[in-house]
């Protein structure tokens, strides 16, 4: 059974501004990747898109580590080509796969197909077997990854017993069709982070933790219930 006090499911790391959050998160993620590289000679990282992670990705790109043995992929993706302005792959390529990190291997989720449904097996086959680090974001509607309220595959994607690693998602608030890693894949990562900034996101997180009122319906609330280890939350104070 999940704990009744979901505050036990998070560890807060507050910083005074977005630059400080980005630098600290980049250092923490790089340290996790170094540990995986030391243990296995390789490491894997799944990242989120949006506007919040830009400074974090730029800071991470300057971290000195054995990037040639790091595989980078995405938590989720809009079903658009990687040159599209809304592509998460475009964000990662432009902000992370530069400087020291230019040698990393990137595994996109998008394929040249009309819908994600057509290529799920191909996408799943290309993903790392395990993820050492996952960095999540969160929307004002309480979604994380592409676990959108009202999503057509939401229940399946958040089912901790699902055997799927990736699923398509269509939802009123999602814009384009999406593809997302499923909750078991995220939950089983070696280290799971959440990166948020601003008072609105802090309030959404508090609602998700409380499970009261609208917070009970937030996908983030259900993610927190499923976790086996505390979520490391890096945020502005």
Protein backbone atom coordinates (compact mmCIF):
# COMPACT_ATOMS: atom_id res chain seq x y z
CA UNK A 1 0.00 0.00 0.00
CA UNK A 2 1.26 3.53 -0.70
CA UNK A 3 2.13 5.68 2.29
CA UNK A 4 -0.65 7.92 3.55
CA UNK A 5 1.78 10.84 3.83
CA UNK A 6 3.03 11.38 0.30
CA UNK A 7 5.47 14.03 1.53
CA UNK A 8 7.65 11.01 2.40
CA UNK A 9 7.83 10.34 -1.34
CA UNK A 10 9.80 13.51 -2.13
CA UNK A 11 13.04 15.18 -1.11
CA UNK A 12 13.02 18.92 -1.73
CA UNK A 13 16.09 20.78 -2.99
CA UNK A 14 15.10 24.50 -3.07
CA UNK A 15 17.29 27.17 -4.63
CA UNK A 16 16.89 30.95 -4.86
CA UNK A 17 16.56 31.23 -8.65
CA UNK A 18 16.38 29.27 -11.89
CA UNK A 19 20.11 29.53 -12.62
CA UNK A 20 20.95 28.02 -9.22
CA UNK A 21 18.45 25.20 -9.73
CA UNK A 22 19.88 24.44 -13.18
CA UNK A 23 23.48 24.35 -11.94
CA UNK A 24 22.69 22.17 -8.92
CA UNK A 25 20.56 19.74 -10.90
CA UNK A 26 23.21 19.47 -13.61
CA UNK A 27 25.81 18.62 -10.96
CA UNK A 28 23.57 16.01 -9.32
CA UNK A 29 22.68 14.33 -12.62
CA UNK A 30 26.31 14.33 -13.75
CA UNK A 31 27.35 12.71 -10.46
CA UNK A 32 24.75 9.96 -10.98
CA UNK A 33 25.97 9.38 -14.52
CA UNK A 34 29.58 9.20 -13.32
CA UNK A 35 28.59 6.59 -10.74
CA UNK A 36 26.89 4.47 -13.41
CA UNK A 37 29.89 4.85 -15.73
CA UNK A 38 32.22 3.72 -12.94
CA UNK A 39 30.06 0.68 -12.17
CA UNK A 40 29.18 -0.47 -15.67
CA UNK A 41 31.18 1.56 -18.16
CA UNK A 42 27.99 3.07 -19.57
CA UNK A 43 25.09 5.23 -18.41
CA UNK A 44 21.64 6.26 -19.58
CA UNK A 45 19.57 9.40 -19.14
CA UNK A 46 15.96 10.29 -20.07
CA UNK A 47 15.01 13.97 -20.28
CA UNK A 48 11.85 16.06 -20.47
CA UNK A 49 11.04 18.93 -22.80
CA UNK A 50 9.27 22.25 -22.37
CA UNK A 51 10.75 25.62 -21.46
CA UNK A 52 11.91 24.92 -17.87
CA UNK A 53 14.87 22.58 -18.61
CA UNK A 54 16.74 24.78 -21.08
CA UNK A 55 19.24 26.23 -18.57
CA UNK A 56 19.67 22.86 -16.87
CA UNK A 57 20.48 21.18 -20.19
CA UNK A 58 22.98 23.88 -21.06
CA UNK A 59 24.67 23.49 -17.67
CA UNK A 60 24.73 19.70 -18.01
CA UNK A 61 26.36 19.98 -21.44
CA UNK A 62 29.43 21.49 -19.77
CA UNK A 63 29.90 18.70 -17.24
CA UNK A 64 33.09 16.72 -17.82
CA UNK A 65 32.37 13.00 -17.99
CA UNK A 66 32.69 10.12 -20.44
CA UNK A 67 29.85 11.29 -22.67
CA UNK A 68 30.76 8.83 -25.44
CA UNK A 69 29.39 6.07 -23.18
CA UNK A 70 26.22 7.92 -22.19
CA UNK A 71 22.91 7.23 -23.95
CA UNK A 72 20.40 10.07 -23.88
CA UNK A 73 16.71 9.66 -24.67
CA UNK A 74 13.43 11.37 -23.87
CA UNK A 75 10.72 10.85 -21.27
CA UNK A 76 8.13 11.76 -23.90
CA UNK A 77 7.83 13.45 -27.27
CA UNK A 78 5.35 15.32 -29.41
CA UNK A 79 4.73 13.49 -32.67
CA UNK A 80 6.58 16.06 -34.80
CA UNK A 81 9.89 15.87 -36.72
CA UNK A 82 13.02 16.84 -34.82
CA UNK A 83 13.35 20.10 -36.73
CA UNK A 84 9.91 21.25 -35.53
CA UNK A 85 9.91 24.09 -32.98
CA UNK A 86 7.86 21.97 -30.55
CA UNK A 87 10.13 18.92 -30.75
CA UNK A 88 11.73 17.81 -27.49
CA UNK A 89 14.51 16.23 -29.55
CA UNK A 90 15.28 19.63 -31.03
CA UNK A 91 15.56 21.10 -27.52
CA UNK A 92 17.93 18.36 -26.35
CA UNK A 93 20.09 18.59 -29.46
CA UNK A 94 20.31 22.37 -29.26
CA UNK A 95 20.91 22.68 -25.52
CA UNK A 96 22.53 19.45 -24.30
CA UNK A 97 24.29 17.69 -27.18
CA UNK A 98 26.88 20.44 -27.39
CA UNK A 99 30.21 21.17 -25.71
CA UNK A 100 31.45 18.19 -23.67
CA UNK A 101 28.17 16.33 -24.23
CA UNK A 102 28.42 16.34 -28.03
CA UNK A 103 29.76 12.77 -27.95
CA UNK A 104 26.68 11.32 -26.24
CA UNK A 105 24.47 8.86 -28.14
CA UNK A 106 20.95 10.19 -28.64
CA UNK A 107 17.94 7.88 -29.03
CA UNK A 108 14.87 9.79 -30.27
CA UNK A 109 11.29 8.66 -29.70
CA UNK A 110 9.93 10.10 -32.96
CA UNK A 111 10.00 8.10 -36.17
CA UNK A 112 9.01 9.06 -39.72
CA UNK A 113 5.51 7.60 -39.49
CA UNK A 114 2.06 9.11 -39.55
CA UNK A 115 1.28 8.04 -35.98
CA UNK A 116 3.27 6.69 -33.03
CA UNK A 117 1.00 3.63 -32.94
CA UNK A 118 2.64 2.30 -36.12
CA UNK A 119 6.17 2.15 -34.74
CA UNK A 120 5.87 1.34 -31.04
CA UNK A 121 7.84 -1.90 -31.27
CA UNK A 122 10.69 -0.21 -33.13
CA UNK A 123 10.86 2.62 -30.60
CA UNK A 124 10.76 0.27 -27.62
CA UNK A 125 13.52 -1.90 -29.12
CA UNK A 126 15.85 1.08 -29.40
CA UNK A 127 15.58 2.22 -25.78
CA UNK A 128 18.19 1.45 -23.11
CA UNK A 129 17.35 -1.66 -21.08
CA UNK A 130 17.44 0.41 -17.90
CA UNK A 131 17.59 4.11 -17.14
CA UNK A 132 20.11 5.39 -14.65
CA UNK A 133 18.62 8.87 -14.44
CA UNK A 134 15.24 10.33 -15.37
CA UNK A 135 14.42 14.05 -15.15
CA UNK A 136 10.71 14.84 -15.16
CA UNK A 137 8.87 18.11 -15.59
CA UNK A 138 5.32 18.93 -14.56
CA UNK A 139 2.52 20.98 -16.08
CA UNK A 140 0.01 23.23 -14.40
CA UNK A 141 -2.61 20.52 -14.89
CA UNK A 142 -0.56 18.07 -12.83
CA UNK A 143 0.69 16.07 -15.81
CA UNK A 144 4.19 14.66 -16.04
CA UNK A 145 5.74 12.80 -18.98
CA UNK A 146 2.72 12.62 -21.34
CA UNK A 147 0.40 11.46 -18.56
CA UNK A 148 -2.24 14.06 -19.42
CA UNK A 149 -5.60 14.28 -17.67
CA UNK A 150 -8.14 12.81 -20.07
CA UNK A 151 -5.48 10.97 -22.05
CA UNK A 152 -6.80 8.11 -24.17
CA UNK A 153 -4.13 5.67 -22.87
CA UNK A 154 -3.60 7.27 -19.45
CA UNK A 155 -4.77 4.30 -17.37
CA UNK A 156 -2.56 1.92 -19.33
CA UNK A 157 0.48 4.20 -19.25
CA UNK A 158 0.18 4.60 -15.46
CA UNK A 159 -0.57 0.95 -14.74
CA UNK A 160 2.35 -0.32 -12.68
CA UNK A 161 1.73 -3.82 -14.05
CA UNK A 162 1.83 -2.87 -17.73
CA UNK A 163 4.41 -4.65 -19.84
CA UNK A 164 4.64 -1.74 -22.28
CA UNK A 165 7.65 0.55 -22.16
CA UNK A 166 6.25 3.23 -24.49
CA UNK A 167 2.70 4.16 -25.42
CA UNK A 168 1.00 6.76 -27.61
CA UNK A 169 -1.11 9.41 -25.91
CA UNK A 170 -3.79 11.77 -27.17
CA UNK A 171 -5.43 14.23 -24.81
CA UNK A 172 -7.29 17.56 -24.96
CA UNK A 173 -4.38 19.41 -23.34
CA UNK A 174 -1.59 17.69 -25.27
CA UNK A 175 -1.78 19.42 -28.64
CA UNK A 176 -0.20 16.90 -31.00
CA UNK A 177 -0.33 13.16 -30.45
CA UNK A 178 2.42 12.14 -28.06
CA UNK A 179 4.53 9.17 -27.19
CA UNK A 180 5.60 8.53 -23.62
CA UNK A 181 7.59 6.19 -21.46
CA UNK A 182 5.27 4.31 -19.11
CA UNK A 183 5.17 4.66 -15.33
CA UNK A 184 7.02 1.39 -14.56
CA UNK A 185 9.97 2.52 -16.71
CA UNK A 186 10.13 5.86 -14.89
CA UNK A 187 9.59 4.33 -11.45
CA UNK A 188 12.40 1.81 -11.94
CA UNK A 189 15.04 4.36 -12.94
CA UNK A 190 18.14 4.47 -10.78
CA UNK A 191 17.39 8.09 -9.83
CA UNK A 192 14.24 10.07 -10.52
CA UNK A 193 14.21 13.87 -10.48
CA UNK A 194 11.50 16.50 -10.86
CA UNK A 195 12.52 19.96 -12.07
CA UNK A 196 10.00 22.76 -11.48
CA UNK A 197 10.19 26.53 -11.13
CA UNK A 198 7.75 29.16 -9.89
CA UNK A 199 5.00 29.45 -7.34
CA UNK A 200 2.30 27.94 -9.55
CA UNK A 201 4.21 24.69 -10.00
CA UNK A 202 4.99 24.51 -6.28
CA UNK A 203 1.27 24.83 -5.56
CA UNK A 204 0.44 22.07 -8.07
CA UNK A 205 2.98 19.80 -6.41
CA UNK A 206 1.47 20.51 -2.99
CA UNK A 207 -1.99 19.63 -4.33
CA UNK A 208 -0.63 16.40 -5.81
CA UNK A 209 0.97 15.55 -2.48
CA UNK A 210 -2.18 16.26 -0.51
CA UNK A 211 -4.47 14.26 -2.80
CA UNK A 212 -7.26 16.62 -1.79
CA UNK A 213 -9.71 18.27 -4.18
CA UNK A 214 -8.36 18.51 -7.75
CA UNK A 215 -5.00 17.17 -6.59
CA UNK A 216 -6.50 13.70 -6.26
CA UNK A 217 -6.98 13.61 -10.04
CA UNK A 218 -3.54 14.91 -10.98
CA UNK A 219 -1.44 12.29 -12.75
CA UNK A 220 1.47 13.42 -10.57
CA UNK A 221 -0.48 12.30 -7.49
CA UNK A 222 -0.70 8.77 -8.88
CA UNK A 223 2.98 8.81 -9.88
CA UNK A 224 3.94 9.72 -6.31
CA UNK A 225 1.82 6.87 -4.97
CA UNK A 226 3.70 4.38 -7.18
CA UNK A 227 7.26 5.38 -6.31
CA UNK A 228 9.64 3.02 -4.52
CA UNK A 229 12.21 5.68 -3.67
CA UNK A 230 11.84 9.40 -2.95
CA UNK A 231 11.50 11.74 -5.92
CA UNK A 232 14.30 14.31 -5.90
CA UNK A 233 12.58 17.67 -6.45
CA UNK A 234 14.77 20.56 -7.61
CA UNK A 235 12.83 23.82 -7.50
CA UNK A 236 12.98 27.55 -6.93
CA UNK A 237 12.31 28.51 -3.32
